[in-house]
């Protein structure tokens, strides 16, 4: 699993340089919309029905105010709208760059 070597805010993007030297740029509002938290994406009940969440909601103007590394597998971003419960696994971060 590739891990971040460095994370920086550059303008309205979060830039991540990975251990292999590659770099990815994440617009802050799209990073917020991609939060893997149940609060944002919802969660499925025992029957597979999606409960809660706001998938597809736009977060225009929301910025990243901080972050912390979680174990050796994820980053927890803090956002200006007080959201901070999404754990962005390294593999998930690499996957979502294809959608941004």
PDB file of N, CA and C in Angstrom:
ATOM      1  N   UNK A   1       0.855  -1.182   0.000  1.00  0.00           N
ATOM      2  CA  UNK A   1       0.000   0.000   0.000  1.00  0.00           C
ATOM      3  C   UNK A   1       0.894   1.236   0.000  1.00  0.00           C
ATOM      4  N   UNK A   2       0.628   2.128  -0.933  1.00  0.00           N
ATOM      5  CA  UNK A   2       1.364   3.375  -1.058  1.00  0.00           C
ATOM      6  C   UNK A   2       0.913   4.333   0.032  1.00  0.00           C
ATOM      7  N   UNK A   3       1.835   4.994   0.703  1.00  0.00           N
ATOM      8  CA  UNK A   3       1.506   5.936   1.767  1.00  0.00           C
ATOM      9  C   UNK A   3       1.923   7.351   1.360  1.00  0.00           C
ATOM     10  N   UNK A   4       1.243   8.373   1.893  1.00  0.00           N
ATOM     11  CA  UNK A   4       1.648   9.748   1.613  1.00  0.00           C
ATOM     12  C   UNK A   4       3.011  10.045   2.238  1.00  0.00           C
ATOM     13  N   UNK A   5       3.810  10.761   1.483  1.00  0.00           N
ATOM     14  CA  UNK A   5       5.095  11.221   1.996  1.00  0.00           C
ATOM     15  C   UNK A   5       4.959  12.641   2.525  1.00  0.00           C
ATOM     16  N   UNK A   6       4.080  13.420   1.862  1.00  0.00           N
ATOM     17  CA  UNK A   6       3.857  14.803   2.264  1.00  0.00           C
ATOM     18  C   UNK A   6       2.463  15.235   1.828  1.00  0.00           C
ATOM     19  N   UNK A   7       1.822  16.050   2.671  1.00  0.00           N
ATOM     20  CA  UNK A   7       0.512  16.622   2.351  1.00  0.00           C
ATOM     21  C   UNK A   7       0.623  18.131   2.530  1.00  0.00           C
ATOM     22  N   UNK A   8       0.129  18.878   1.534  1.00  0.00           N
ATOM     23  CA  UNK A   8       0.157  20.337   1.592  1.00  0.00           C
ATOM     24  C   UNK A   8      -1.137  20.905   1.031  1.00  0.00           C
ATOM     25  N   UNK A   9      -1.464  22.102   1.491  1.00  0.00           N
ATOM     26  CA  UNK A   9      -2.553  22.870   0.888  1.00  0.00           C
ATOM     27  C   UNK A   9      -1.927  23.822  -0.115  1.00  0.00           C
ATOM     28  N   UNK A  10      -2.413  23.765  -1.345  1.00  0.00           N
ATOM     29  CA  UNK A  10      -1.955  24.667  -2.402  1.00  0.00           C
ATOM     30  C   UNK A  10      -3.196  25.302  -3.014  1.00  0.00           C
ATOM     31  N   UNK A  11      -3.433  26.565  -2.678  1.00  0.00           N
ATOM     32  CA  UNK A  11      -4.644  27.247  -3.144  1.00  0.00           C
ATOM     33  C   UNK A  11      -5.872  26.555  -2.593  1.00  0.00           C
ATOM     34  N   UNK A  12      -6.759  26.099  -3.483  1.00  0.00           N
ATOM     35  CA  UNK A  12      -7.981  25.397  -3.072  1.00  0.00           C
ATOM     36  C   UNK A  12      -7.857  23.888  -3.216  1.00  0.00           C
ATOM     37  N   UNK A  13      -6.634  23.405  -3.324  1.00  0.00           N
ATOM     38  CA  UNK A  13      -6.388  21.962  -3.462  1.00  0.00           C
ATOM     39  C   UNK A  13      -5.562  21.435  -2.303  1.00  0.00           C
ATOM     40  N   UNK A  14      -5.759  20.165  -2.034  1.00  0.00           N
ATOM     41  CA  UNK A  14      -4.865  19.424  -1.148  1.00  0.00           C
ATOM     42  C   UNK A  14      -3.958  18.610  -2.060  1.00  0.00           C
ATOM     43  N   UNK A  15      -2.659  18.794  -1.895  1.00  0.00           N
ATOM     44  CA  UNK A  15      -1.682  18.069  -2.707  1.00  0.00           C
ATOM     45  C   UNK A  15      -1.063  16.968  -1.858  1.00  0.00           C
ATOM     46  N   UNK A  16      -1.003  15.774  -2.431  1.00  0.00           N
ATOM     47  CA  UNK A  16      -0.365  14.652  -1.739  1.00  0.00           C
ATOM     48  C   UNK A  16       0.751  14.119  -2.621  1.00  0.00           C
ATOM     49  N   UNK A  17       1.944  14.063  -2.049  1.00  0.00           N
ATOM     50  CA  UNK A  17       3.062  13.403  -2.717  1.00  0.00           C
ATOM     51  C   UNK A  17       3.191  12.027  -2.073  1.00  0.00           C
ATOM     52  N   UNK A  18       3.158  11.010  -2.912  1.00  0.00           N
ATOM     53  CA  UNK A  18       3.179   9.627  -2.451  1.00  0.00           C
ATOM     54  C   UNK A  18       4.616   9.101  -2.400  1.00  0.00           C
ATOM     55  N   UNK A  19       4.799   7.991  -1.709  1.00  0.00           N
ATOM     56  CA  UNK A  19       6.123   7.396  -1.534  1.00  0.00           C
ATOM     57  C   UNK A  19       6.814   7.078  -2.851  1.00  0.00           C
ATOM     58  N   UNK A  20       6.057   6.823  -3.894  1.00  0.00           N
ATOM     59  CA  UNK A  20       6.671   6.505  -5.186  1.00  0.00           C
ATOM     60  C   UNK A  20       7.020   7.760  -5.987  1.00  0.00           C
ATOM     61  N   UNK A  21       6.805   8.956  -5.395  1.00  0.00           N
ATOM     62  CA  UNK A  21       7.116  10.211  -6.057  1.00  0.00           C
ATOM     63  C   UNK A  21       5.967  10.806  -6.851  1.00  0.00           C
ATOM     64  N   UNK A  22       4.894  10.066  -7.042  1.00  0.00           N
ATOM     65  CA  UNK A  22       3.736  10.604  -7.761  1.00  0.00           C
ATOM     66  C   UNK A  22       3.016  11.631  -6.882  1.00  0.00           C
ATOM     67  N   UNK A  23       2.264  12.500  -7.535  1.00  0.00           N
ATOM     68  CA  UNK A  23       1.515  13.526  -6.820  1.00  0.00           C
ATOM     69  C   UNK A  23       0.072  13.540  -7.297  1.00  0.00           C
ATOM     70  N   UNK A  24      -0.837  13.781  -6.364  1.00  0.00           N
ATOM     71  CA  UNK A  24      -2.250  13.927  -6.686  1.00  0.00           C
ATOM     72  C   UNK A  24      -2.759  15.209  -6.055  1.00  0.00           C
ATOM     73  N   UNK A  25      -3.712  15.857  -6.743  1.00  0.00           N
ATOM     74  CA  UNK A  25      -4.293  17.107  -6.277  1.00  0.00           C
ATOM     75  C   UNK A  25      -5.795  16.920  -6.116  1.00  0.00           C
ATOM     76  N   UNK A  26      -6.315  17.330  -4.964  1.00  0.00           N
ATOM     77  CA  UNK A  26      -7.723  17.131  -4.620  1.00  0.00           C
ATOM     78  C   UNK A  26      -8.375  18.485  -4.351  1.00  0.00           C
ATOM     79  N   UNK A  27      -9.309  18.928  -5.183  1.00  0.00           N
ATOM     80  CA  UNK A  27     -10.064  20.141  -4.852  1.00  0.00           C
ATOM     81  C   UNK A  27     -10.782  19.922  -3.509  1.00  0.00           C
ATOM     82  N   UNK A  28     -10.666  20.894  -2.628  1.00  0.00           N
ATOM     83  CA  UNK A  28     -11.169  20.718  -1.261  1.00  0.00           C
ATOM     84  C   UNK A  28     -12.656  20.396  -1.201  1.00  0.00           C
ATOM     85  N   UNK A  29     -13.477  21.077  -2.016  1.00  0.00           N
ATOM     86  CA  UNK A  29     -14.913  20.817  -1.960  1.00  0.00           C
ATOM     87  C   UNK A  29     -15.236  19.402  -2.440  1.00  0.00           C
ATOM     88  N   UNK A  30     -14.497  18.918  -3.440  1.00  0.00           N
ATOM     89  CA  UNK A  30     -14.731  17.550  -3.921  1.00  0.00           C
ATOM     90  C   UNK A  30     -14.203  16.513  -2.938  1.00  0.00           C
ATOM     91  N   UNK A  31     -13.126  16.848  -2.246  1.00  0.00           N
ATOM     92  CA  UNK A  31     -12.614  15.953  -1.214  1.00  0.00           C
ATOM     93  C   UNK A  31     -13.640  15.813  -0.090  1.00  0.00           C
ATOM     94  N   UNK A  32     -14.282  16.924   0.255  1.00  0.00           N
ATOM     95  CA  UNK A  32     -15.333  16.887   1.284  1.00  0.00           C
ATOM     96  C   UNK A  32     -16.510  16.043   0.809  1.00  0.00           C
ATOM     97  N   UNK A  33     -16.934  16.223  -0.438  1.00  0.00           N
ATOM     98  CA  UNK A  33     -18.064  15.458  -0.976  1.00  0.00           C
ATOM     99  C   UNK A  33     -17.749  13.969  -1.054  1.00  0.00           C
ATOM    100  N   UNK A  34     -16.471  13.625  -1.188  1.00  0.00           N
ATOM    101  CA  UNK A  34     -16.057  12.224  -1.291  1.00  0.00           C
ATOM    102  C   UNK A  34     -15.801  11.584   0.072  1.00  0.00           C
ATOM    103  N   UNK A  35     -16.103  12.297   1.148  1.00  0.00           N
ATOM    104  CA  UNK A  35     -15.860  11.726   2.477  1.00  0.00           C
ATOM    105  C   UNK A  35     -16.532  10.362   2.593  1.00  0.00           C
ATOM    106  N   UNK A  36     -15.767   9.367   3.017  1.00  0.00           N
ATOM    107  CA  UNK A  36     -16.339   8.026   3.126  1.00  0.00           C
ATOM    108  C   UNK A  36     -17.172   7.816   4.395  1.00  0.00           C
ATOM    109  N   UNK A  37     -17.451   8.874   5.132  1.00  0.00           N
ATOM    110  CA  UNK A  37     -18.202   8.750   6.379  1.00  0.00           C
ATOM    111  C   UNK A  37     -19.673   8.400   6.126  1.00  0.00           C
ATOM    112  N   UNK A  38     -20.284   7.759   7.100  1.00  0.00           N
ATOM    113  CA  UNK A  38     -21.717   7.450   7.012  1.00  0.00           C
ATOM    114  C   UNK A  38     -22.535   8.740   6.999  1.00  0.00           C
ATOM    115  N   UNK A  39     -22.032   9.777   7.656  1.00  0.00           N
ATOM    116  CA  UNK A  39     -22.716  11.068   7.680  1.00  0.00           C
ATOM    117  C   UNK A  39     -22.876  11.633   6.272  1.00  0.00           C
ATOM    118  N   UNK A  40     -21.876  11.424   5.425  1.00  0.00           N
ATOM    119  CA  UNK A  40     -21.916  11.950   4.061  1.00  0.00           C
ATOM    120  C   UNK A  40     -22.497  10.949   3.076  1.00  0.00           C
ATOM    121  N   UNK A  41     -22.014   9.724   3.092  1.00  0.00           N
ATOM    122  CA  UNK A  41     -22.402   8.720   2.098  1.00  0.00           C
ATOM    123  C   UNK A  41     -23.615   7.895   2.505  1.00  0.00           C
ATOM    124  N   UNK A  42     -23.992   7.946   3.786  1.00  0.00           N
ATOM    125  CA  UNK A  42     -25.056   7.086   4.289  1.00  0.00           C
ATOM    126  C   UNK A  42     -24.499   5.708   4.606  1.00  0.00           C
ATOM    127  N   UNK A  43     -25.356   4.843   5.074  1.00  0.00           N
ATOM    128  CA  UNK A  43     -24.945   3.469   5.342  1.00  0.00           C
ATOM    129  C   UNK A  43     -26.111   2.545   5.035  1.00  0.00           C
ATOM    130  N   UNK A  44     -25.787   1.308   4.718  1.00  0.00           N
ATOM    131  CA  UNK A  44     -26.821   0.345   4.343  1.00  0.00           C
ATOM    132  C   UNK A  44     -27.303  -0.442   5.555  1.00  0.00           C
ATOM    133  N   UNK A  45     -28.623  -0.663   5.607  1.00  0.00           N
ATOM    134  CA  UNK A  45     -29.175  -1.487   6.670  1.00  0.00           C
ATOM    135  C   UNK A  45     -29.027  -2.963   6.289  1.00  0.00           C
ATOM    136  N   UNK A  46     -29.568  -3.853   7.101  1.00  0.00           N
ATOM    137  CA  UNK A  46     -29.432  -5.292   6.865  1.00  0.00           C
ATOM    138  C   UNK A  46     -30.040  -5.749   5.542  1.00  0.00           C
ATOM    139  N   UNK A  47     -30.964  -4.960   5.015  1.00  0.00           N
ATOM    140  CA  UNK A  47     -31.633  -5.328   3.770  1.00  0.00           C
ATOM    141  C   UNK A  47     -31.017  -4.653   2.548  1.00  0.00           C
ATOM    142  N   UNK A  48     -29.935  -3.881   2.776  1.00  0.00           N
ATOM    143  CA  UNK A  48     -29.250  -3.217   1.675  1.00  0.00           C
ATOM    144  C   UNK A  48     -29.806  -1.855   1.324  1.00  0.00           C
ATOM    145  N   UNK A  49     -30.764  -1.363   2.120  1.00  0.00           N
ATOM    146  CA  UNK A  49     -31.340  -0.035   1.863  1.00  0.00           C
ATOM    147  C   UNK A  49     -30.411   1.049   2.393  1.00  0.00           C
ATOM    148  N   UNK A  50     -30.184   2.090   1.611  1.00  0.00           N
ATOM    149  CA  UNK A  50     -29.335   3.194   2.018  1.00  0.00           C
ATOM    150  C   UNK A  50     -30.093   4.065   3.008  1.00  0.00           C
ATOM    151  N   UNK A  51     -29.465   4.307   4.132  1.00  0.00           N
ATOM    152  CA  UNK A  51     -30.068   5.109   5.194  1.00  0.00           C
ATOM    153  C   UNK A  51     -29.191   6.329   5.446  1.00  0.00           C
ATOM    154  N   UNK A  52     -29.814   7.513   5.465  1.00  0.00           N
ATOM    155  CA  UNK A  52     -29.098   8.734   5.803  1.00  0.00           C
ATOM    156  C   UNK A  52     -28.108   9.168   4.747  1.00  0.00           C
ATOM    157  N   UNK A  53     -27.245  10.072   5.169  1.00  0.00           N
ATOM    158  CA  UNK A  53     -26.220  10.589   4.273  1.00  0.00           C
ATOM    159  C   UNK A  53     -26.766  11.636   3.325  1.00  0.00           C
ATOM    160  N   UNK A  54     -25.859  12.236   2.595  1.00  0.00           N
ATOM    161  CA  UNK A  54     -26.193  13.242   1.594  1.00  0.00           C
ATOM    162  C   UNK A  54     -25.359  13.017   0.339  1.00  0.00           C
ATOM    163  N   UNK A  55     -25.364  11.800  -0.217  1.00  0.00           N
ATOM    164  CA  UNK A  55     -24.539  11.584  -1.403  1.00  0.00           C
ATOM    165  C   UNK A  55     -24.958  12.524  -2.530  1.00  0.00           C
ATOM    166  N   UNK A  56     -23.966  13.090  -3.205  1.00  0.00           N
ATOM    167  CA  UNK A  56     -24.243  14.000  -4.295  1.00  0.00           C
ATOM    168  C   UNK A  56     -24.361  15.458  -3.882  1.00  0.00           C
ATOM    169  N   UNK A  57     -24.354  15.716  -2.577  1.00  0.00           N
ATOM    170  CA  UNK A  57     -24.433  17.105  -2.113  1.00  0.00           C
ATOM    171  C   UNK A  57     -23.160  17.846  -2.499  1.00  0.00           C
ATOM    172  N   UNK A  58     -23.298  19.119  -2.835  1.00  0.00           N
ATOM    173  CA  UNK A  58     -22.142  19.945  -3.168  1.00  0.00           C
ATOM    174  C   UNK A  58     -21.671  20.685  -1.926  1.00  0.00           C
ATOM    175  N   UNK A  59     -20.378  20.909  -1.838  1.00  0.00           N
ATOM    176  CA  UNK A  59     -19.780  21.561  -0.679  1.00  0.00           C
ATOM    177  C   UNK A  59     -18.940  22.752  -1.129  1.00  0.00           C
ATOM    178  N   UNK A  60     -19.506  23.551  -2.022  1.00  0.00           N
ATOM    179  CA  UNK A  60     -18.811  24.710  -2.560  1.00  0.00           C
ATOM    180  C   UNK A  60     -18.376  25.632  -1.423  1.00  0.00           C
ATOM    181  N   UNK A  61     -17.122  26.037  -1.442  1.00  0.00           N
ATOM    182  CA  UNK A  61     -16.589  26.942  -0.431  1.00  0.00           C
ATOM    183  C   UNK A  61     -16.052  26.265   0.808  1.00  0.00           C
ATOM    184  N   UNK A  62     -16.275  24.968   0.965  1.00  0.00           N
ATOM    185  CA  UNK A  62     -15.749  24.252   2.123  1.00  0.00           C
ATOM    186  C   UNK A  62     -14.259  24.017   1.910  1.00  0.00           C
ATOM    187  N   UNK A  63     -13.473  24.272   2.949  1.00  0.00           N
ATOM    188  CA  UNK A  63     -12.023  24.126   2.852  1.00  0.00           C
ATOM    189  C   UNK A  63     -11.508  23.113   3.872  1.00  0.00           C
ATOM    190  N   UNK A  64     -10.319  22.636   3.620  1.00  0.00           N
ATOM    191  CA  UNK A  64      -9.631  21.753   4.569  1.00  0.00           C
ATOM    192  C   UNK A  64      -8.906  22.647   5.567  1.00  0.00           C
ATOM    193  N   UNK A  65      -9.161  22.409   6.850  1.00  0.00           N
ATOM    194  CA  UNK A  65      -8.536  23.221   7.893  1.00  0.00           C
ATOM    195  C   UNK A  65      -7.431  22.479   8.630  1.00  0.00           C
ATOM    196  N   UNK A  66      -7.325  21.179   8.398  1.00  0.00           N
ATOM    197  CA  UNK A  66      -6.275  20.388   9.032  1.00  0.00           C
ATOM    198  C   UNK A  66      -6.435  18.922   8.683  1.00  0.00           C
ATOM    199  N   UNK A  67      -5.498  18.128   9.145  1.00  0.00           N
ATOM    200  CA  UNK A  67      -5.545  16.682   8.928  1.00  0.00           C
ATOM    201  C   UNK A  67      -4.625  15.998   9.902  1.00  0.00           C
ATOM    202  N   UNK A  68      -4.855  14.710  10.092  1.00  0.00           N
ATOM    203  CA  UNK A  68      -3.943  13.896  10.899  1.00  0.00           C
ATOM    204  C   UNK A  68      -3.883  12.504  10.294  1.00  0.00           C
ATOM    205  N   UNK A  69      -2.739  11.904  10.439  1.00  0.00           N
ATOM    206  CA  UNK A  69      -2.541  10.546   9.953  1.00  0.00           C
ATOM    207  C   UNK A  69      -3.174   9.587  10.964  1.00  0.00           C
ATOM    208  N   UNK A  70      -3.816   8.546  10.455  1.00  0.00           N
ATOM    209  CA  UNK A  70      -4.467   7.549  11.304  1.00  0.00           C
ATOM    210  C   UNK A  70      -3.784   6.216  11.050  1.00  0.00           C
ATOM    211  N   UNK A  71      -3.066   5.736  12.060  1.00  0.00           N
ATOM    212  CA  UNK A  71      -2.343   4.486  11.886  1.00  0.00           C
ATOM    213  C   UNK A  71      -1.437   4.585  10.676  1.00  0.00           C
ATOM    214  N   UNK A  72      -1.279   3.512   9.966  1.00  0.00           N
ATOM    215  CA  UNK A  72      -0.483   3.496   8.754  1.00  0.00           C
ATOM    216  C   UNK A  72      -1.342   3.282   7.537  1.00  0.00           C
ATOM    217  N   UNK A  73      -2.625   3.735   7.606  1.00  0.00           N
ATOM    218  CA  UNK A  73      -3.537   3.387   6.519  1.00  0.00           C
ATOM    219  C   UNK A  73      -4.474   4.492   6.061  1.00  0.00           C
ATOM    220  N   UNK A  74      -4.583   5.610   6.782  1.00  0.00           N
ATOM    221  CA  UNK A  74      -5.602   6.600   6.432  1.00  0.00           C
ATOM    222  C   UNK A  74      -5.212   8.004   6.868  1.00  0.00           C
ATOM    223  N   UNK A  75      -5.950   8.967   6.312  1.00  0.00           N
ATOM    224  CA  UNK A  75      -5.840  10.373   6.697  1.00  0.00           C
ATOM    225  C   UNK A  75      -7.228  10.832   7.126  1.00  0.00           C
ATOM    226  N   UNK A  76      -7.295  11.537   8.253  1.00  0.00           N
ATOM    227  CA  UNK A  76      -8.556  12.144   8.703  1.00  0.00           C
ATOM    228  C   UNK A  76      -8.449  13.642   8.444  1.00  0.00           C
ATOM    229  N   UNK A  77      -9.230  14.144   7.492  1.00  0.00           N
ATOM    230  CA  UNK A  77      -9.228  15.568   7.182  1.00  0.00           C
ATOM    231  C   UNK A  77     -10.252  16.280   8.048  1.00  0.00           C
ATOM    232  N   UNK A  78      -9.928  17.517   8.401  1.00  0.00           N
ATOM    233  CA  UNK A  78     -10.859  18.389   9.108  1.00  0.00           C
ATOM    234  C   UNK A  78     -11.277  19.480   8.128  1.00  0.00           C
ATOM    235  N   UNK A  79     -12.578  19.764   8.075  1.00  0.00           N
ATOM    236  CA  UNK A  79     -13.122  20.714   7.106  1.00  0.00           C
ATOM    237  C   UNK A  79     -13.738  21.915   7.802  1.00  0.00           C
ATOM    238  N   UNK A  80     -13.859  23.010   7.059  1.00  0.00           N
ATOM    239  CA  UNK A  80     -14.391  24.250   7.611  1.00  0.00           C
ATOM    240  C   UNK A  80     -15.867  24.155   8.019  1.00  0.00           C
ATOM    241  N   UNK A  81     -16.578  23.129   7.552  1.00  0.00           N
ATOM    242  CA  UNK A  81     -17.966  22.937   7.973  1.00  0.00           C
ATOM    243  C   UNK A  81     -18.059  22.023   9.201  1.00  0.00           C
ATOM    244  N   UNK A  82     -16.932  21.821   9.886  1.00  0.00           N
ATOM    245  CA  UNK A  82     -16.811  21.023  11.120  1.00  0.00           C
ATOM    246  C   UNK A  82     -16.833  19.523  10.884  1.00  0.00           C
ATOM    247  N   UNK A  83     -16.888  19.076   9.641  1.00  0.00           N
ATOM    248  CA  UNK A  83     -16.854  17.640   9.370  1.00  0.00           C
ATOM    249  C   UNK A  83     -15.443  17.105   9.578  1.00  0.00           C
ATOM    250  N   UNK A  84     -15.342  15.982  10.288  1.00  0.00           N
ATOM    251  CA  UNK A  84     -14.021  15.387  10.511  1.00  0.00           C
ATOM    252  C   UNK A  84     -14.096  13.884  10.766  1.00  0.00           C
ATOM    253  N   UNK A  85     -15.233  13.271  10.453  1.00  0.00           N
ATOM    254  CA  UNK A  85     -15.391  11.858  10.801  1.00  0.00           C
ATOM    255  C   UNK A  85     -15.030  10.885   9.683  1.00  0.00           C
ATOM    256  N   UNK A  86     -14.679  11.377   8.504  1.00  0.00           N
ATOM    257  CA  UNK A  86     -14.324  10.470   7.407  1.00  0.00           C
ATOM    258  C   UNK A  86     -12.866  10.046   7.479  1.00  0.00           C
ATOM    259  N   UNK A  87     -12.611   8.763   7.403  1.00  0.00           N
ATOM    260  CA  UNK A  87     -11.238   8.255   7.336  1.00  0.00           C
ATOM    261  C   UNK A  87     -10.945   7.883   5.891  1.00  0.00           C
ATOM    262  N   UNK A  88     -10.058   8.619   5.277  1.00  0.00           N
ATOM    263  CA  UNK A  88      -9.690   8.431   3.877  1.00  0.00           C
ATOM    264  C   UNK A  88      -8.515   7.459   3.808  1.00  0.00           C
ATOM    265  N   UNK A  89      -8.818   6.189   3.559  1.00  0.00           N
ATOM    266  CA  UNK A  89      -7.766   5.198   3.399  1.00  0.00           C
ATOM    267  C   UNK A  89      -6.881   5.564   2.220  1.00  0.00           C
ATOM    268  N   UNK A  90      -5.613   5.211   2.302  1.00  0.00           N
ATOM    269  CA  UNK A  90      -4.677   5.549   1.224  1.00  0.00           C
ATOM    270  C   UNK A  90      -5.161   5.014  -0.121  1.00  0.00           C
ATOM    271  N   UNK A  91      -5.628   3.788  -0.159  1.00  0.00           N
ATOM    272  CA  UNK A  91      -6.131   3.210  -1.412  1.00  0.00           C
ATOM    273  C   UNK A  91      -7.340   3.990  -1.925  1.00  0.00           C
ATOM    274  N   UNK A  92      -8.221   4.414  -1.007  1.00  0.00           N
ATOM    275  CA  UNK A  92      -9.394   5.195  -1.393  1.00  0.00           C
ATOM    276  C   UNK A  92      -8.963   6.531  -1.993  1.00  0.00           C
ATOM    277  N   UNK A  93      -7.982   7.197  -1.380  1.00  0.00           N
ATOM    278  CA  UNK A  93      -7.499   8.464  -1.914  1.00  0.00           C
ATOM    279  C   UNK A  93      -6.949   8.300  -3.330  1.00  0.00           C
ATOM    280  N   UNK A  94      -6.221   7.214  -3.580  1.00  0.00           N
ATOM    281  CA  UNK A  94      -5.699   6.985  -4.923  1.00  0.00           C
ATOM    282  C   UNK A  94      -6.837   6.727  -5.917  1.00  0.00           C
ATOM    283  N   UNK A  95      -7.879   5.999  -5.488  1.00  0.00           N
ATOM    284  CA  UNK A  95      -9.014   5.689  -6.366  1.00  0.00           C
ATOM    285  C   UNK A  95      -9.813   6.928  -6.733  1.00  0.00           C
ATOM    286  N   UNK A  96     -10.041   7.818  -5.780  1.00  0.00           N
ATOM    287  CA  UNK A  96     -10.916   8.959  -6.067  1.00  0.00           C
ATOM    288  C   UNK A  96     -10.240  10.002  -6.948  1.00  0.00           C
ATOM    289  N   UNK A  97      -8.928   9.951  -7.113  1.00  0.00           N
ATOM    290  CA  UNK A  97      -8.281  10.904  -8.025  1.00  0.00           C
ATOM    291  C   UNK A  97      -8.772  10.704  -9.446  1.00  0.00           C
ATOM    292  N   UNK A  98      -9.173   9.502  -9.780  1.00  0.00           N
ATOM    293  CA  UNK A  98      -9.679   9.211 -11.125  1.00  0.00           C
ATOM    294  C   UNK A  98     -11.001   9.921 -11.381  1.00  0.00           C
ATOM    295  N   UNK A  99     -11.752  10.249 -10.325  1.00  0.00           N
ATOM    296  CA  UNK A  99     -13.066  10.869 -10.458  1.00  0.00           C
ATOM    297  C   UNK A  99     -12.989  12.391 -10.371  1.00  0.00           C
ATOM    298  N   UNK A 100     -11.830  12.932 -10.020  1.00  0.00           N
ATOM    299  CA  UNK A 100     -11.728  14.389  -9.803  1.00  0.00           C
ATOM    300  C   UNK A 100     -11.153  15.076 -10.995  1.00  0.00           C
TER     301      UNK A 100
END
